[in-house]
Amino acid sequence: MTIRLVLVRHGLSSFNAKGLIQGRTDDSFLTDEGYDQALKAGKALSKINFNKIYSSPLVRAAETAKTIKKSFNKEQDIIFDNAFPALRACSYPSSVKNESSVLP
């Protein structure tokens, strides 16, 4: 049995646009460009028959998943799971502009 796993990062968020690291905080949201990116991802992925769709419940990830799902021909629920990892906001100050300056 072959398993295909497709990973998609959330679209451009308000923090991304400012060069800030957001970690697990839910203070940022998708920008108009982020929604456009999600629509393009949905179109690119629309020919794949997905068995399941999982997403972080963080707003930027959830909105990306919902927007991508609009391109699919079948109705299915998105499973929102807190187990998805993300950088912890407490590890890096929100004023950091360049991840490479704080990441090993």
Protein backbone atom coordinates (compact mmCIF):
# COMPACT_ATOMS: atom_id res chain seq x y z
CA MET A 1 0.00 0.00 0.00
CA THR A 2 1.31 3.42 -0.95
CA ILE A 3 0.55 6.47 1.14
CA ARG A 4 0.81 9.93 -0.35
CA LEU A 5 1.21 12.76 2.11
CA VAL A 6 0.81 16.32 0.84
CA LEU A 7 1.93 19.13 3.12
CA VAL A 8 0.91 22.72 2.48
CA ARG A 9 2.07 25.69 4.50
CA HIS A 10 -0.45 28.42 5.28
CA GLY A 11 -0.69 31.39 2.95
CA LEU A 12 1.00 34.72 3.65
CA SER A 13 -0.11 35.98 7.05
CA SER A 14 -0.11 39.48 8.49
CA PHE A 15 2.94 38.60 10.62
CA ASN A 16 4.76 37.09 7.61
CA ALA A 17 4.20 40.31 5.68
CA LYS A 18 5.88 42.23 8.52
CA GLY A 19 8.76 39.75 8.81
CA LEU A 20 7.65 38.58 12.25
CA ILE A 21 7.70 35.03 13.63
CA GLN A 22 4.25 34.05 14.88
CA GLY A 23 4.84 30.59 16.35
CA ARG A 24 1.70 29.10 17.94
CA THR A 25 0.11 32.48 18.56
CA ASP A 26 -3.19 33.10 16.84
CA ASP A 27 -2.72 36.86 16.52
CA SER A 28 -2.02 36.93 12.78
CA PHE A 29 -4.43 36.35 9.93
CA LEU A 30 -4.25 35.59 6.22
CA THR A 31 -3.65 38.57 3.99
CA ASP A 32 -5.36 39.01 0.63
CA GLU A 33 -2.20 37.59 -0.93
CA GLY A 34 -2.43 34.62 1.47
CA TYR A 35 -5.98 33.88 0.28
CA ASP A 36 -4.82 34.13 -3.34
CA GLN A 37 -2.00 31.69 -2.59
CA ALA A 38 -4.48 29.27 -1.01
CA LEU A 39 -6.75 29.50 -4.06
CA LYS A 40 -3.81 28.71 -6.34
CA ALA A 41 -2.80 25.79 -4.13
CA GLY A 42 -6.36 24.48 -4.24
CA LYS A 43 -6.41 24.65 -8.02
CA ALA A 44 -3.05 22.85 -8.23
CA LEU A 45 -4.25 20.13 -5.83
CA SER A 46 -7.80 19.77 -7.18
CA LYS A 47 -7.04 16.70 -9.31
CA ILE A 48 -5.85 14.68 -6.29
CA ASN A 49 -8.46 12.57 -4.52
CA PHE A 50 -7.70 13.20 -0.87
CA ASN A 51 -8.98 10.74 1.74
CA LYS A 52 -8.48 13.15 4.63
CA ILE A 53 -7.70 16.81 5.16
CA TYR A 54 -5.96 17.83 8.38
CA SER A 55 -5.15 21.32 9.57
CA SER A 56 -3.91 23.16 12.59
CA PRO A 57 -6.79 25.05 14.23
CA LEU A 58 -4.77 28.29 14.11
CA VAL A 59 -6.72 30.83 12.05
CA ARG A 60 -4.09 31.27 9.30
CA ALA A 61 -3.83 27.49 8.77
CA ALA A 62 -7.57 26.85 9.07
CA GLU A 63 -8.44 29.59 6.58
CA THR A 64 -5.82 28.26 4.17
CA ALA A 65 -7.28 24.73 4.43
CA LYS A 66 -10.87 25.97 3.99
CA THR A 67 -9.90 28.03 0.95
CA ILE A 68 -8.00 25.13 -0.64
CA LYS A 69 -10.93 22.77 0.00
CA LYS A 70 -13.24 25.01 -2.07
CA SER A 71 -11.40 23.76 -5.18
CA PHE A 72 -12.19 20.10 -4.48
CA ASN A 73 -15.12 18.37 -6.18
CA LYS A 74 -16.17 16.29 -3.19
CA GLU A 75 -17.53 17.41 0.13
CA GLN A 76 -15.40 16.45 3.08
CA ASP A 77 -14.68 17.77 6.52
CA ILE A 78 -11.39 19.24 7.62
CA ILE A 79 -9.99 17.64 10.76
CA PHE A 80 -8.55 20.38 12.96
CA ASP A 81 -5.84 18.94 15.20
CA ASN A 82 -3.88 20.73 17.93
CA ALA A 83 -1.06 18.21 17.55
CA PHE A 84 0.38 19.92 14.50
CA PRO A 85 3.73 21.42 15.49
CA ALA A 86 4.72 25.03 15.04
CA LEU A 87 7.46 27.20 16.43
CA ARG A 88 6.66 28.16 19.97
CA ALA A 89 6.09 31.89 20.24
CA CYS A 90 7.81 31.94 23.62
CA SER A 91 11.06 30.83 21.99
CA TYR A 92 11.43 33.93 19.83
CA PRO A 93 10.37 37.51 20.43
CA SER A 94 7.75 38.77 17.99
CA SER A 95 10.14 41.55 17.01
CA VAL A 96 12.52 39.09 15.29
CA LYS A 97 12.66 39.89 11.58
CA ASN A 98 14.99 37.11 10.44
CA GLU A 99 14.51 33.53 11.63
CA SER A 100 18.05 32.60 10.61
CA SER A 101 19.39 35.03 13.21
CA VAL A 102 17.80 33.01 16.04
CA LEU A 103 17.59 29.48 14.66
CA PRO A 104 20.54 27.09 15.02
